[in-house]
Amino acid sequence: MNLRDAVEGKEYIIRQIETDDEELNAFLFSLGCYSGEAITVVSKKRGSLVVSIKDARYSIDNQLAEAILV
């Protein structure tokens, strides 16, 4: 299941980042978004999601959310 399908307020464990873009992979890693890390969807907006990773909140677009498998 990708992050777009996740339920708001529930904590998930990231299983995998599914992207061929090394720059995107490095960016997500710098946010603390990598396999085995906990992630929570705080809210869903029209074209983006607000997620909580390691006590920090980030807004990510739907395309990026689809690359994060939980």
PDB file of N, CA and C in Angstrom:
ATOM      1  N   MET A   1       0.856  -1.176   0.000  1.00  0.00           N
ATOM      2  CA  MET A   1       0.000   0.000   0.000  1.00  0.00           C
ATOM      3  C   MET A   1       0.901   1.237   0.000  1.00  0.00           C
ATOM      4  N   ASN A   2       0.541   2.224  -0.799  1.00  0.00           N
ATOM      5  CA  ASN A   2       1.337   3.453  -0.776  1.00  0.00           C
ATOM      6  C   ASN A   2       0.748   4.442   0.225  1.00  0.00           C
ATOM      7  N   LEU A   3       1.467   5.501   0.473  1.00  0.00           N
ATOM      8  CA  LEU A   3       1.091   6.455   1.517  1.00  0.00           C
ATOM      9  C   LEU A   3      -0.204   7.200   1.207  1.00  0.00           C
ATOM     10  N   ARG A   4      -0.549   7.346  -0.070  1.00  0.00           N
ATOM     11  CA  ARG A   4      -1.815   8.019  -0.431  1.00  0.00           C
ATOM     12  C   ARG A   4      -3.028   7.270   0.095  1.00  0.00           C
ATOM     13  N   ASP A   5      -2.913   5.952   0.237  1.00  0.00           N
ATOM     14  CA  ASP A   5      -4.026   5.128   0.709  1.00  0.00           C
ATOM     15  C   ASP A   5      -4.075   5.023   2.230  1.00  0.00           C
ATOM     16  N   ALA A   6      -3.125   5.617   2.908  1.00  0.00           N
ATOM     17  CA  ALA A   6      -3.039   5.513   4.367  1.00  0.00           C
ATOM     18  C   ALA A   6      -4.157   6.298   5.049  1.00  0.00           C
ATOM     19  N   VAL A   7      -4.513   5.844   6.233  1.00  0.00           N
ATOM     20  CA  VAL A   7      -5.553   6.485   7.041  1.00  0.00           C
ATOM     21  C   VAL A   7      -4.917   7.589   7.885  1.00  0.00           C
ATOM     22  N   GLU A   8      -5.590   8.729   7.963  1.00  0.00           N
ATOM     23  CA  GLU A   8      -5.080   9.843   8.777  1.00  0.00           C
ATOM     24  C   GLU A   8      -4.998   9.443  10.241  1.00  0.00           C
ATOM     25  N   GLY A   9      -3.901   9.835  10.876  1.00  0.00           N
ATOM     26  CA  GLY A   9      -3.737   9.619  12.307  1.00  0.00           C
ATOM     27  C   GLY A   9      -3.165   8.264  12.686  1.00  0.00           C
ATOM     28  N   LYS A  10      -3.035   7.346  11.765  1.00  0.00           N
ATOM     29  CA  LYS A  10      -2.487   6.018  12.065  1.00  0.00           C
ATOM     30  C   LYS A  10      -1.004   5.973  11.713  1.00  0.00           C
ATOM     31  N   GLU A  11      -0.220   5.365  12.599  1.00  0.00           N
ATOM     32  CA  GLU A  11       1.222   5.252  12.360  1.00  0.00           C
ATOM     33  C   GLU A  11       1.513   4.024  11.503  1.00  0.00           C
ATOM     34  N   TYR A  12       2.367   4.201  10.520  1.00  0.00           N
ATOM     35  CA  TYR A  12       2.776   3.121   9.631  1.00  0.00           C
ATOM     36  C   TYR A  12       4.292   3.005   9.657  1.00  0.00           C
ATOM     37  N   ILE A  13       4.786   1.856   9.236  1.00  0.00           N
ATOM     38  CA  ILE A  13       6.225   1.648   9.078  1.00  0.00           C
ATOM     39  C   ILE A  13       6.520   1.638   7.581  1.00  0.00           C
ATOM     40  N   ILE A  14       7.496   2.423   7.171  1.00  0.00           N
ATOM     41  CA  ILE A  14       7.868   2.492   5.753  1.00  0.00           C
ATOM     42  C   ILE A  14       8.532   1.168   5.361  1.00  0.00           C
ATOM     43  N   ARG A  15       7.977   0.508   4.354  1.00  0.00           N
ATOM     44  CA  ARG A  15       8.546  -0.744   3.864  1.00  0.00           C
ATOM     45  C   ARG A  15       9.598  -0.493   2.800  1.00  0.00           C
ATOM     46  N   GLN A  16       9.323   0.498   1.935  1.00  0.00           N
ATOM     47  CA  GLN A  16      10.206   0.707   0.791  1.00  0.00           C
ATOM     48  C   GLN A  16       9.921   2.052   0.146  1.00  0.00           C
ATOM     49  N   ILE A  17      10.950   2.623  -0.469  1.00  0.00           N
ATOM     50  CA  ILE A  17      10.796   3.820  -1.293  1.00  0.00           C
ATOM     51  C   ILE A  17      10.937   3.346  -2.734  1.00  0.00           C
ATOM     52  N   GLU A  18       9.902   3.520  -3.523  1.00  0.00           N
ATOM     53  CA  GLU A  18       9.875   2.994  -4.886  1.00  0.00           C
ATOM     54  C   GLU A  18      10.090   4.115  -5.894  1.00  0.00           C
ATOM     55  N   THR A  19      11.364   4.409  -6.169  1.00  0.00           N
ATOM     56  CA  THR A  19      11.703   5.429  -7.148  1.00  0.00           C
ATOM     57  C   THR A  19      13.069   5.116  -7.762  1.00  0.00           C
ATOM     58  N   ASP A  20      13.236   5.483  -9.004  1.00  0.00           N
ATOM     59  CA  ASP A  20      14.519   5.306  -9.682  1.00  0.00           C
ATOM     60  C   ASP A  20      15.369   6.573  -9.617  1.00  0.00           C
ATOM     61  N   ASP A  21      14.802   7.653  -9.100  1.00  0.00           N
ATOM     62  CA  ASP A  21      15.465   8.946  -9.027  1.00  0.00           C
ATOM     63  C   ASP A  21      16.350   9.015  -7.779  1.00  0.00           C
ATOM     64  N   GLU A  22      17.651   8.974  -7.968  1.00  0.00           N
ATOM     65  CA  GLU A  22      18.586   9.002  -6.839  1.00  0.00           C
ATOM     66  C   GLU A  22      18.508  10.309  -6.051  1.00  0.00           C
ATOM     67  N   GLU A  23      18.260  11.411  -6.736  1.00  0.00           N
ATOM     68  CA  GLU A  23      18.140  12.706  -6.062  1.00  0.00           C
ATOM     69  C   GLU A  23      16.932  12.712  -5.128  1.00  0.00           C
ATOM     70  N   LEU A  24      15.827  12.147  -5.584  1.00  0.00           N
ATOM     71  CA  LEU A  24      14.626  12.043  -4.759  1.00  0.00           C
ATOM     72  C   LEU A  24      14.870  11.119  -3.569  1.00  0.00           C
ATOM     73  N   ASN A  25      15.553  10.020  -3.814  1.00  0.00           N
ATOM     74  CA  ASN A  25      15.905   9.102  -2.731  1.00  0.00           C
ATOM     75  C   ASN A  25      16.740   9.801  -1.669  1.00  0.00           C
ATOM     76  N   ALA A  26      17.721  10.568  -2.093  1.00  0.00           N
ATOM     77  CA  ALA A  26      18.591  11.290  -1.160  1.00  0.00           C
ATOM     78  C   ALA A  26      17.799  12.340  -0.381  1.00  0.00           C
ATOM     79  N   PHE A  27      16.867  13.019  -1.060  1.00  0.00           N
ATOM     80  CA  PHE A  27      16.035  14.021  -0.399  1.00  0.00           C
ATOM     81  C   PHE A  27      15.180  13.376   0.691  1.00  0.00           C
ATOM     82  N   LEU A  28      14.522  12.272   0.362  1.00  0.00           N
ATOM     83  CA  LEU A  28      13.686  11.580   1.344  1.00  0.00           C
ATOM     84  C   LEU A  28      14.511  11.075   2.518  1.00  0.00           C
ATOM     85  N   PHE A  29      15.689  10.565   2.230  1.00  0.00           N
ATOM     86  CA  PHE A  29      16.572  10.092   3.293  1.00  0.00           C
ATOM     87  C   PHE A  29      16.954  11.238   4.227  1.00  0.00           C
ATOM     88  N   SER A  30      17.190  12.416   3.671  1.00  0.00           N
ATOM     89  CA  SER A  30      17.553  13.572   4.503  1.00  0.00           C
ATOM     90  C   SER A  30      16.409  14.005   5.417  1.00  0.00           C
ATOM     91  N   LEU A  31      15.163  13.685   5.017  1.00  0.00           N
ATOM     92  CA  LEU A  31      14.004  13.984   5.865  1.00  0.00           C
ATOM     93  C   LEU A  31      13.800  12.924   6.941  1.00  0.00           C
ATOM     94  N   GLY A  32      14.514  11.810   6.823  1.00  0.00           N
ATOM     95  CA  GLY A  32      14.328  10.705   7.758  1.00  0.00           C
ATOM     96  C   GLY A  32      13.335   9.691   7.242  1.00  0.00           C
ATOM     97  N   CYS A  33      13.042   9.746   5.969  1.00  0.00           N
ATOM     98  CA  CYS A  33      12.061   8.869   5.341  1.00  0.00           C
ATOM     99  C   CYS A  33      12.794   7.729   4.631  1.00  0.00           C
ATOM    100  N   TYR A  34      12.902   6.575   5.306  1.00  0.00           N
ATOM    101  CA  TYR A  34      13.573   5.411   4.743  1.00  0.00           C
ATOM    102  C   TYR A  34      12.974   4.149   5.345  1.00  0.00           C
ATOM    103  N   SER A  35      13.301   3.004   4.786  1.00  0.00           N
ATOM    104  CA  SER A  35      12.734   1.725   5.220  1.00  0.00           C
ATOM    105  C   SER A  35      12.939   1.501   6.710  1.00  0.00           C
ATOM    106  N   GLY A  36      11.868   1.051   7.365  1.00  0.00           N
ATOM    107  CA  GLY A  36      11.922   0.760   8.785  1.00  0.00           C
ATOM    108  C   GLY A  36      11.536   1.923   9.685  1.00  0.00           C
ATOM    109  N   GLU A  37      11.399   3.111   9.129  1.00  0.00           N
ATOM    110  CA  GLU A  37      11.065   4.311   9.915  1.00  0.00           C
ATOM    111  C   GLU A  37       9.546   4.454  10.027  1.00  0.00           C
ATOM    112  N   ALA A  38       9.088   4.980  11.155  1.00  0.00           N
ATOM    113  CA  ALA A  38       7.655   5.219  11.374  1.00  0.00           C
ATOM    114  C   ALA A  38       7.237   6.517  10.687  1.00  0.00           C
ATOM    115  N   ILE A  39       6.031   6.512  10.114  1.00  0.00           N
ATOM    116  CA  ILE A  39       5.481   7.700   9.457  1.00  0.00           C
ATOM    117  C   ILE A  39       3.984   7.756   9.743  1.00  0.00           C
ATOM    118  N   THR A  40       3.476   8.953   9.963  1.00  0.00           N
ATOM    119  CA  THR A  40       2.059   9.151  10.240  1.00  0.00           C
ATOM    120  C   THR A  40       1.508  10.207   9.296  1.00  0.00           C
ATOM    121  N   VAL A  41       0.355   9.919   8.687  1.00  0.00           N
ATOM    122  CA  VAL A  41      -0.329  10.913   7.862  1.00  0.00           C
ATOM    123  C   VAL A  41      -1.143  11.794   8.804  1.00  0.00           C
ATOM    124  N   VAL A  42      -0.773  13.057   8.893  1.00  0.00           N
ATOM    125  CA  VAL A  42      -1.457  13.991   9.786  1.00  0.00           C
ATOM    126  C   VAL A  42      -2.752  14.478   9.144  1.00  0.00           C
ATOM    127  N   SER A  43      -2.673  14.859   7.866  1.00  0.00           N
ATOM    128  CA  SER A  43      -3.869  15.298   7.149  1.00  0.00           C
ATOM    129  C   SER A  43      -3.674  15.143   5.651  1.00  0.00           C
ATOM    130  N   LYS A  44      -4.799  15.085   4.954  1.00  0.00           N
ATOM    131  CA  LYS A  44      -4.773  14.992   3.495  1.00  0.00           C
ATOM    132  C   LYS A  44      -5.446  16.233   2.931  1.00  0.00           C
ATOM    133  N   LYS A  45      -4.768  16.871   2.004  1.00  0.00           N
ATOM    134  CA  LYS A  45      -5.312  18.041   1.310  1.00  0.00           C
ATOM    135  C   LYS A  45      -5.603  17.642  -0.127  1.00  0.00           C
ATOM    136  N   ARG A  46      -6.014  18.581  -0.924  1.00  0.00           N
ATOM    137  CA  ARG A  46      -6.376  18.301  -2.312  1.00  0.00           C
ATOM    138  C   ARG A  46      -5.247  17.627  -3.093  1.00  0.00           C
ATOM    139  N   GLY A  47      -4.077  18.225  -3.121  1.00  0.00           N
ATOM    140  CA  GLY A  47      -2.981  17.685  -3.914  1.00  0.00           C
ATOM    141  C   GLY A  47      -1.775  17.266  -3.105  1.00  0.00           C
ATOM    142  N   SER A  48      -1.937  17.193  -1.774  1.00  0.00           N
ATOM    143  CA  SER A  48      -0.773  16.878  -0.940  1.00  0.00           C
ATOM    144  C   SER A  48      -1.194  16.223   0.373  1.00  0.00           C
ATOM    145  N   LEU A  49      -0.195  15.751   1.083  1.00  0.00           N
ATOM    146  CA  LEU A  49      -0.390  15.162   2.399  1.00  0.00           C
ATOM    147  C   LEU A  49       0.557  15.837   3.375  1.00  0.00           C
ATOM    148  N   VAL A  50       0.137  15.970   4.613  1.00  0.00           N
ATOM    149  CA  VAL A  50       1.025  16.420   5.683  1.00  0.00           C
ATOM    150  C   VAL A  50       1.363  15.168   6.473  1.00  0.00           C
ATOM    151  N   VAL A  51       2.668  14.882   6.581  1.00  0.00           N
ATOM    152  CA  VAL A  51       3.117  13.684   7.275  1.00  0.00           C
ATOM    153  C   VAL A  51       4.033  14.053   8.430  1.00  0.00           C
ATOM    154  N   SER A  52       4.086  13.171   9.395  1.00  0.00           N
ATOM    155  CA  SER A  52       4.960  13.349  10.546  1.00  0.00           C
ATOM    156  C   SER A  52       6.004  12.241  10.528  1.00  0.00           C
ATOM    157  N   ILE A  53       7.276  12.670  10.508  1.00  0.00           N
ATOM    158  CA  ILE A  53       8.408  11.742  10.542  1.00  0.00           C
ATOM    159  C   ILE A  53       9.360  12.246  11.610  1.00  0.00           C
ATOM    160  N   LYS A  54       9.658  11.412  12.591  1.00  0.00           N
ATOM    161  CA  LYS A  54      10.610  11.788  13.648  1.00  0.00           C
ATOM    162  C   LYS A  54      10.270  13.139  14.277  1.00  0.00           C
ATOM    163  N   ASP A  55       9.048  13.319  14.698  1.00  0.00           N
ATOM    164  CA  ASP A  55       8.592  14.539  15.380  1.00  0.00           C
ATOM    165  C   ASP A  55       8.682  15.803  14.535  1.00  0.00           C
ATOM    166  N   ALA A  56       8.778  15.670  13.231  1.00  0.00           N
ATOM    167  CA  ALA A  56       8.765  16.818  12.319  1.00  0.00           C
ATOM    168  C   ALA A  56       7.626  16.609  11.325  1.00  0.00           C
ATOM    169  N   ARG A  57       7.052  17.699  10.850  1.00  0.00           N
ATOM    170  CA  ARG A  57       5.959  17.613   9.884  1.00  0.00           C
ATOM    171  C   ARG A  57       6.400  18.158   8.540  1.00  0.00           C
ATOM    172  N   TYR A  58       5.994  17.438   7.488  1.00  0.00           N
ATOM    173  CA  TYR A  58       6.341  17.822   6.124  1.00  0.00           C
ATOM    174  C   TYR A  58       5.109  17.728   5.249  1.00  0.00           C
ATOM    175  N   SER A  59       5.041  18.594   4.268  1.00  0.00           N
ATOM    176  CA  SER A  59       3.988  18.519   3.264  1.00  0.00           C
ATOM    177  C   SER A  59       4.601  17.891   2.013  1.00  0.00           C
ATOM    178  N   ILE A  60       4.000  16.800   1.550  1.00  0.00           N
ATOM    179  CA  ILE A  60       4.501  16.134   0.356  1.00  0.00           C
ATOM    180  C   ILE A  60       3.370  16.028  -0.665  1.00  0.00           C
ATOM    181  N   ASP A  61       3.721  16.056  -1.940  1.00  0.00           N
ATOM    182  CA  ASP A  61       2.690  15.968  -2.970  1.00  0.00           C
ATOM    183  C   ASP A  61       2.280  14.508  -3.180  1.00  0.00           C
ATOM    184  N   ASN A  62       1.187  14.315  -3.913  1.00  0.00           N
ATOM    185  CA  ASN A  62       0.639  12.980  -4.113  1.00  0.00           C
ATOM    186  C   ASN A  62       1.596  12.069  -4.877  1.00  0.00           C
ATOM    187  N   GLN A  63       2.344  12.613  -5.812  1.00  0.00           N
ATOM    188  CA  GLN A  63       3.293  11.817  -6.580  1.00  0.00           C
ATOM    189  C   GLN A  63       4.363  11.224  -5.667  1.00  0.00           C
ATOM    190  N   LEU A  64       4.866  12.029  -4.755  1.00  0.00           N
ATOM    191  CA  LEU A  64       5.858  11.568  -3.794  1.00  0.00           C
ATOM    192  C   LEU A  64       5.243  10.562  -2.835  1.00  0.00           C
ATOM    193  N   ALA A  65       4.013  10.797  -2.414  1.00  0.00           N
ATOM    194  CA  ALA A  65       3.326   9.883  -1.501  1.00  0.00           C
ATOM    195  C   ALA A  65       3.135   8.505  -2.125  1.00  0.00           C
ATOM    196  N   GLU A  66       2.948   8.465  -3.430  1.00  0.00           N
ATOM    197  CA  GLU A  66       2.780   7.178  -4.118  1.00  0.00           C
ATOM    198  C   GLU A  66       4.073   6.376  -4.143  1.00  0.00           C
ATOM    199  N   ALA A  67       5.217   7.024  -4.032  1.00  0.00           N
ATOM    200  CA  ALA A  67       6.508   6.341  -4.054  1.00  0.00           C
ATOM    201  C   ALA A  67       6.865   5.744  -2.703  1.00  0.00           C
ATOM    202  N   ILE A  68       6.161   6.138  -1.652  1.00  0.00           N
ATOM    203  CA  ILE A  68       6.446   5.648  -0.297  1.00  0.00           C
ATOM    204  C   ILE A  68       5.488   4.504   0.006  1.00  0.00           C
ATOM    205  N   LEU A  69       6.025   3.301   0.142  1.00  0.00           N
ATOM    206  CA  LEU A  69       5.216   2.122   0.430  1.00  0.00           C
ATOM    207  C   LEU A  69       5.254   1.818   1.912  1.00  0.00           C
ATOM    208  N   VAL A  70       4.061   1.606   2.485  1.00  0.00           N
ATOM    209  CA  VAL A  70       3.956   1.300   3.919  1.00  0.00           C
ATOM    210  C   VAL A  70       3.307  -0.048   4.126  1.00  0.00           C
TER     211      VAL A  70
END
